């Protein structure tokens, strides 16, 4: 059978998952693909990078995927081809798949690092889901929603970097579900620009098309997703620079941006109201739920730790809004010591 007509079901399980991941997420590194597609739950570990590379090279020979060079570092990035996209569209689970085939100029554009970093957010959540049996994670890149009538596309659309979904099994028979719009900040915008992007989420929450009986967001989501602002750094460690010094400097800079964003939210009337700043001690759920974190903290500690900051209150929680019932440090792990918000964990 020629590769042009070879269906996904004739590929190995790993190769089919790799093709699906690239069809879903546009651009990924070998290590990212290893985390997404190489987990072996029977032995509790990942397959080797070489195994993933071998499977990718097999898909390349079929004409389904192609490699590119990584702008930062020496590794490769992988993307799906038109032929691979056609094969992925015929997969049994591809009904809602929105495939974007990148041109070579797009693969190697300056936006490459941003695309990889957005995907790293999802990959990191997937990694921690593997560590907790029963959990699952998925995300969609660059969803778009209308927020204003009669405005130009550049002003009338909301374009989150990703839409993230996490299923968390707290204990047998007890689940918590999270959906979040991801805004990745790599220090490429001013804090005011980032704050103005948060205003678009308020507009989307309030937007109803002409003649509609309900807000537009209810067509797509059961509950309005949390807005998750993830801070990452474009800086790279210089040759000879001590790792501890680099990490400390980077963290300090990112935390300053987070503090500045909180100050902007406090000063902006729309965000001040929507985030419930200065609300009563026992407020109702705010109109817009925003959480901020560092990508490095998700990677190191995982989403079950109190690494997420509410810019309205400065309060820390884990991703699902679970708050520590007693003081806990970064060395704590899992869900022990947490009490659940009834609405989230019921």
Protein backbone atom coordinates (compact mmCIF):
# COMPACT_ATOMS: atom_id res chain seq x y z
CA UNK A 1 0.00 0.00 0.00
CA UNK A 2 1.40 3.40 -0.96
CA UNK A 3 2.03 5.93 1.77
CA UNK A 4 -0.43 8.29 0.07
CA UNK A 5 -3.29 5.95 0.92
CA UNK A 6 -1.99 4.41 4.11
CA UNK A 7 -4.55 5.08 6.89
CA UNK A 8 -3.53 6.03 10.40
CA UNK A 9 -4.82 2.73 11.74
CA UNK A 10 -2.03 0.95 9.80
CA UNK A 11 0.64 2.90 11.69
CA UNK A 12 2.12 1.75 14.98
CA UNK A 13 0.36 3.11 18.08
CA UNK A 14 3.27 5.45 18.82
CA UNK A 15 3.49 6.71 15.23
CA UNK A 16 -0.27 7.36 15.13
CA UNK A 17 -0.07 9.33 18.39
CA UNK A 18 2.89 11.34 17.09
CA UNK A 19 1.03 12.22 13.91
CA UNK A 20 -2.04 13.20 15.92
CA UNK A 21 -0.01 15.38 18.30
CA UNK A 22 1.63 17.26 15.42
CA UNK A 23 -1.71 17.67 13.68
CA UNK A 24 -3.21 19.10 16.87
CA UNK A 25 -0.34 21.31 18.03
CA UNK A 26 1.49 22.40 14.85
CA UNK A 27 5.09 22.42 16.09
CA UNK A 28 6.79 20.26 18.72
CA UNK A 29 10.28 19.16 19.73
CA UNK A 30 11.35 15.55 20.12
CA UNK A 31 11.28 15.86 23.91
CA UNK A 32 7.80 17.37 23.88
CA UNK A 33 6.60 14.55 21.65
CA UNK A 34 8.25 12.05 23.98
CA UNK A 35 6.23 13.38 26.92
CA UNK A 36 2.98 13.47 24.96
CA UNK A 37 3.27 10.15 23.15
CA UNK A 38 5.94 8.10 24.89
CA UNK A 39 4.51 7.46 28.35
CA UNK A 40 4.24 3.76 29.29
CA UNK A 41 1.78 3.45 32.17
CA UNK A 42 2.52 -0.28 32.52
CA UNK A 43 6.07 0.47 33.68
CA UNK A 44 5.65 4.08 34.81
CA UNK A 45 8.25 5.66 32.54
CA UNK A 46 8.80 7.20 29.12
CA UNK A 47 10.24 5.50 26.07
CA UNK A 48 13.66 6.68 24.91
CA UNK A 49 14.23 9.75 22.76
CA UNK A 50 15.81 7.46 20.17
CA UNK A 51 12.58 5.46 19.89
CA UNK A 52 10.60 8.63 19.29
CA UNK A 53 13.17 9.82 16.72
CA UNK A 54 12.97 6.48 14.91
CA UNK A 55 9.17 6.71 14.74
CA UNK A 56 9.36 10.29 13.47
CA UNK A 57 11.84 9.30 10.78
CA UNK A 58 9.43 6.55 9.72
CA UNK A 59 6.63 9.11 9.41
CA UNK A 60 8.99 11.35 7.48
CA UNK A 61 9.65 8.55 4.96
CA UNK A 62 5.88 8.27 4.49
CA UNK A 63 5.74 12.00 3.79
CA UNK A 64 3.54 12.69 6.83
CA UNK A 65 5.88 14.92 8.86
CA UNK A 66 8.96 17.01 8.30
CA UNK A 67 11.75 18.29 10.55
CA UNK A 68 13.02 21.83 10.86
CA UNK A 69 15.79 23.49 12.78
CA UNK A 70 15.21 24.97 16.20
CA UNK A 71 16.06 28.68 16.30
CA UNK A 72 17.29 28.42 19.90
CA UNK A 73 19.45 25.36 20.54
CA UNK A 74 20.58 22.58 18.26
CA UNK A 75 17.55 20.33 18.28
CA UNK A 76 14.90 19.72 15.66
CA UNK A 77 11.30 20.80 15.54
CA UNK A 78 8.67 18.69 13.82
CA UNK A 79 5.48 19.59 11.99
CA UNK A 80 2.84 17.85 9.93
CA UNK A 81 2.77 17.99 6.10
CA UNK A 82 -0.29 18.36 3.88
CA UNK A 83 -0.20 14.60 3.28
CA UNK A 84 0.07 13.96 6.99
CA UNK A 85 -2.80 16.35 7.68
CA UNK A 86 -4.98 14.43 5.21
CA UNK A 87 -4.14 11.16 6.96
CA UNK A 88 -4.80 12.69 10.39
CA UNK A 89 -8.18 14.03 9.25
CA UNK A 90 -9.23 10.47 8.43
CA UNK A 91 -8.39 9.25 11.93
CA UNK A 92 -11.33 7.91 13.93
CA UNK A 93 -10.93 10.57 16.64
CA UNK A 94 -10.40 13.56 14.35
CA UNK A 95 -13.94 14.96 14.09
CA UNK A 96 -13.06 18.16 15.99
CA UNK A 97 -9.46 18.38 14.82
CA UNK A 98 -8.41 21.79 13.42
CA UNK A 99 -5.18 21.19 11.53
CA UNK A 100 -2.82 23.99 10.49
CA UNK A 101 -0.06 23.00 8.07
CA UNK A 102 2.87 25.37 8.50
CA UNK A 103 4.99 26.62 5.63
CA UNK A 104 8.77 26.43 5.98
CA UNK A 105 8.93 30.18 6.56
CA UNK A 106 6.42 29.82 9.42
CA UNK A 107 8.30 26.93 11.00
CA UNK A 108 11.50 28.98 11.16
CA UNK A 109 9.91 32.36 11.94
CA UNK A 110 10.66 34.35 15.07
CA UNK A 111 7.32 33.14 16.47
CA UNK A 112 8.72 29.60 16.66
CA UNK A 113 9.89 30.03 20.26
CA UNK A 114 6.48 31.36 21.31
CA UNK A 115 4.65 28.42 19.70
CA UNK A 116 6.97 25.94 21.37
CA UNK A 117 6.59 27.69 24.74
CA UNK A 118 2.78 27.64 24.49
CA UNK A 119 2.94 23.95 23.72
CA UNK A 120 5.37 23.49 26.61
CA UNK A 121 2.62 24.68 28.95
CA UNK A 122 0.34 21.90 27.71
CA UNK A 123 3.15 19.34 27.63
CA UNK A 124 4.03 20.13 31.24
CA UNK A 125 0.44 19.64 32.36
CA UNK A 126 0.38 16.36 30.43
CA UNK A 127 3.55 15.25 32.22
CA UNK A 128 2.02 15.86 35.64
CA UNK A 129 -1.18 14.13 34.56
CA UNK A 130 0.92 11.03 33.83
CA UNK A 131 2.21 11.20 37.40
CA UNK A 132 -1.36 11.05 38.77
CA UNK A 133 -3.31 8.04 37.45
CA UNK A 134 -6.78 9.04 36.36
CA UNK A 135 -5.83 12.58 35.37
CA UNK A 136 -5.87 13.79 31.78
CA UNK A 137 -4.92 16.96 29.91
CA UNK A 138 -5.56 18.37 26.45
CA UNK A 139 -5.30 21.75 24.77
CA UNK A 140 -6.19 23.55 21.57
CA UNK A 141 -3.87 26.17 20.09
CA UNK A 142 -5.11 29.67 19.27
CA UNK A 143 -8.87 29.59 19.63
CA UNK A 144 -10.65 32.78 18.51
CA UNK A 145 -13.86 34.45 19.67
CA UNK A 146 -15.68 37.60 18.67
CA UNK A 147 -15.95 40.18 21.44
CA UNK A 148 -17.21 43.33 19.67
CA UNK A 149 -19.77 44.07 16.96
CA UNK A 150 -18.68 46.06 13.93
CA UNK A 151 -15.00 46.19 14.89
CA UNK A 152 -12.03 45.27 12.71
CA UNK A 153 -10.72 41.74 13.20
CA UNK A 154 -7.63 43.06 14.97
CA UNK A 155 -9.82 44.70 17.61
CA UNK A 156 -12.99 42.62 17.58
CA UNK A 157 -11.48 39.20 18.24
CA UNK A 158 -10.08 37.53 21.33
CA UNK A 159 -7.25 35.10 20.51
CA UNK A 160 -5.97 33.16 23.53
CA UNK A 161 -2.71 31.32 22.97
CA UNK A 162 -4.43 28.08 23.92
CA UNK A 163 -7.52 26.57 25.48
CA UNK A 164 -6.50 24.09 28.17
CA UNK A 165 -8.60 21.29 29.70
CA UNK A 166 -7.55 19.29 32.77
CA UNK A 167 -9.42 16.37 34.37
CA UNK A 168 -8.26 15.72 37.92
CA UNK A 169 -9.29 12.66 39.93
CA UNK A 170 -9.11 13.73 43.57
CA UNK A 171 -10.01 10.28 44.84
CA UNK A 172 -12.14 7.35 43.61
CA UNK A 173 -15.48 8.77 42.53
CA UNK A 174 -14.48 12.39 43.09
CA UNK A 175 -13.37 14.58 40.23
CA UNK A 176 -12.52 18.19 39.53
CA UNK A 177 -12.51 19.69 36.05
CA UNK A 178 -10.73 22.79 34.86
CA UNK A 179 -10.84 24.73 31.65
CA UNK A 180 -8.55 27.70 31.09
CA UNK A 181 -7.59 30.20 28.45
CA UNK A 182 -3.79 30.37 28.37
CA UNK A 183 -1.99 33.67 27.89
CA UNK A 184 1.75 33.12 27.61
CA UNK A 185 3.86 36.17 28.40
CA UNK A 186 7.49 36.01 27.25
CA UNK A 187 8.32 39.64 28.03
CA UNK A 188 7.46 40.66 24.47
CA UNK A 189 4.63 43.02 25.46
CA UNK A 190 4.36 45.87 27.89
CA UNK A 191 2.38 45.18 31.05
CA UNK A 192 -0.28 47.57 29.78
CA UNK A 193 -0.66 45.49 26.61
CA UNK A 194 -1.01 42.35 28.70
CA UNK A 195 -3.61 44.08 30.88
CA UNK A 196 -5.51 45.23 27.80
CA UNK A 197 -5.63 41.60 26.68
CA UNK A 198 -7.29 40.74 29.99
CA UNK A 199 -9.89 43.41 29.25
CA UNK A 200 -10.81 41.47 26.10
CA UNK A 201 -11.76 38.51 28.27
CA UNK A 202 -14.16 40.74 30.19
CA UNK A 203 -15.63 41.91 26.88
CA UNK A 204 -16.04 38.30 25.76
CA UNK A 205 -17.73 37.39 29.04
CA UNK A 206 -20.23 40.21 28.49
CA UNK A 207 -20.66 39.93 24.72
CA UNK A 208 -24.01 38.81 23.26
CA UNK A 209 -24.63 38.82 19.50
CA UNK A 210 -27.52 40.93 18.27
CA UNK A 211 -30.80 39.17 18.99
CA UNK A 212 -29.19 36.49 21.14
CA UNK A 213 -30.84 35.42 24.38
CA UNK A 214 -27.60 34.46 26.12
CA UNK A 215 -23.92 35.52 26.11
CA UNK A 216 -21.92 34.12 23.21
CA UNK A 217 -19.49 32.24 25.47
CA UNK A 218 -22.26 29.92 26.67
CA UNK A 219 -22.44 28.46 23.16
CA UNK A 220 -18.93 27.07 23.59
CA UNK A 221 -18.36 26.57 27.32
CA UNK A 222 -20.38 25.22 30.22
CA UNK A 223 -18.59 27.56 32.60
CA UNK A 224 -16.47 30.51 31.63
CA UNK A 225 -12.85 29.30 31.65
CA UNK A 226 -10.25 30.64 34.03
CA UNK A 227 -7.69 32.95 32.40
CA UNK A 228 -4.26 31.48 33.12
CA UNK A 229 -1.41 33.95 32.58
CA UNK A 230 1.88 32.05 32.34
CA UNK A 231 5.12 34.01 32.58
CA UNK A 232 8.20 32.71 30.80
CA UNK A 233 11.53 34.31 29.97
CA UNK A 234 13.15 34.86 26.59
CA UNK A 235 16.53 35.18 28.28
CA UNK A 236 19.03 32.37 27.89
CA UNK A 237 21.79 31.38 30.25
CA UNK A 238 25.11 32.86 29.17
CA UNK A 239 28.22 30.66 28.88
CA UNK A 240 29.88 30.46 32.26
CA UNK A 241 26.93 31.99 34.12
CA UNK A 242 26.10 30.00 37.28
CA UNK A 243 22.73 28.28 36.95
CA UNK A 244 21.54 29.42 40.38
CA UNK A 245 22.33 33.06 39.56
CA UNK A 246 20.55 32.82 36.20
CA UNK A 247 17.45 31.23 37.75
CA UNK A 248 17.33 33.79 40.57
CA UNK A 249 17.68 36.74 38.18
CA UNK A 250 15.05 35.38 35.79
CA UNK A 251 12.58 34.62 38.58
CA UNK A 252 13.00 38.08 40.08
CA UNK A 253 12.28 39.73 36.72
CA UNK A 254 9.19 37.61 36.03
CA UNK A 255 7.81 38.18 39.52
CA UNK A 256 8.21 41.93 38.96
CA UNK A 257 6.09 41.64 35.80
CA UNK A 258 3.47 39.68 37.72
CA UNK A 259 3.38 42.38 40.40
CA UNK A 260 3.08 45.06 37.72
CA UNK A 261 0.16 43.24 36.12
CA UNK A 262 -1.59 43.08 39.50
CA UNK A 263 -1.09 46.83 39.86
CA UNK A 264 -2.56 47.43 36.40
CA UNK A 265 -5.62 45.32 37.26
CA UNK A 266 -6.08 47.34 40.43
CA UNK A 267 -5.86 50.66 38.56
CA UNK A 268 -8.04 49.71 35.58
CA UNK A 269 -11.75 50.25 36.42
CA UNK A 270 -13.05 47.41 34.24
CA UNK A 271 -10.57 44.85 35.58
CA UNK A 272 -10.89 46.14 39.15
CA UNK A 273 -14.61 45.37 39.04
CA UNK A 274 -14.42 42.13 37.01
CA UNK A 275 -11.72 40.57 39.20
CA UNK A 276 -13.55 41.48 42.41
CA UNK A 277 -10.75 43.64 43.80
CA UNK A 278 -11.74 45.18 47.16
CA UNK A 279 -14.80 42.94 47.24
CA UNK A 280 -16.30 41.91 50.62
CA UNK A 281 -14.49 39.30 52.69
CA UNK A 282 -16.90 36.61 51.51
CA UNK A 283 -17.49 37.69 47.90
CA UNK A 284 -19.44 35.95 45.19
CA UNK A 285 -17.42 34.37 42.40
CA UNK A 286 -15.76 37.24 40.48
CA UNK A 287 -16.90 37.97 36.97
CA UNK A 288 -13.47 36.99 35.62
CA UNK A 289 -11.24 34.42 37.30
CA UNK A 290 -7.54 35.07 36.57
CA UNK A 291 -4.56 33.12 37.86
CA UNK A 292 -0.88 33.88 37.22
CA UNK A 293 2.16 31.63 37.49
CA UNK A 294 5.67 31.03 36.20
CA UNK A 295 6.19 28.28 33.63
CA UNK A 296 9.29 27.22 35.57
CA UNK A 297 7.12 26.57 38.64
CA UNK A 298 4.69 24.37 36.70
CA UNK A 299 7.65 22.39 35.39
CA UNK A 300 9.38 22.05 38.76
CA UNK A 301 6.51 21.73 41.24
CA UNK A 302 3.48 20.81 39.14
CA UNK A 303 -0.06 22.23 39.11
CA UNK A 304 -1.04 20.56 42.39
CA UNK A 305 1.13 22.95 44.40
CA UNK A 306 0.25 26.53 45.47
CA UNK A 307 2.03 28.20 42.56
CA UNK A 308 -0.93 30.07 41.10
CA UNK A 309 -1.51 33.65 42.25
CA UNK A 310 -4.79 35.53 42.18
CA UNK A 311 -3.82 39.05 41.01
CA UNK A 312 -6.86 40.47 42.80
CA UNK A 313 -5.92 39.18 46.27
CA UNK A 314 -2.36 37.87 46.06
CA UNK A 315 -3.66 34.56 47.40
CA UNK A 316 -1.96 31.38 46.26
CA UNK A 317 -3.73 28.15 45.35
CA UNK A 318 -3.24 25.17 43.14
CA UNK A 319 -4.70 25.14 39.66
CA UNK A 320 -8.14 23.89 40.67
CA UNK A 321 -8.56 26.53 43.33
CA UNK A 322 -7.74 24.13 46.14
CA UNK A 323 -6.20 25.96 49.07
CA UNK A 324 -3.86 24.52 51.71
CA UNK A 325 -5.64 23.69 54.93
CA UNK A 326 -2.29 24.06 56.67
CA UNK A 327 0.98 25.75 55.67
CA UNK A 328 2.82 23.70 53.08
CA UNK A 329 6.11 24.22 51.32
CA UNK A 330 7.36 23.35 47.86
CA UNK A 331 8.42 19.97 49.19
CA UNK A 332 4.78 18.96 49.63
CA UNK A 333 3.36 16.91 46.80
CA UNK A 334 0.12 15.46 45.53
CA UNK A 335 -3.26 16.44 46.91
CA UNK A 336 -2.62 15.78 50.59
CA UNK A 337 -3.32 18.71 52.88
CA UNK A 338 -5.70 20.39 50.44
CA UNK A 339 -9.33 21.26 50.94
CA UNK A 340 -11.56 21.49 47.91
CA UNK A 341 -13.79 24.30 46.78
CA UNK A 342 -17.15 22.53 46.77
CA UNK A 343 -18.12 23.84 43.36
CA UNK A 344 -14.93 22.57 41.73
CA UNK A 345 -14.51 19.24 43.44
CA UNK A 346 -18.08 17.99 43.66
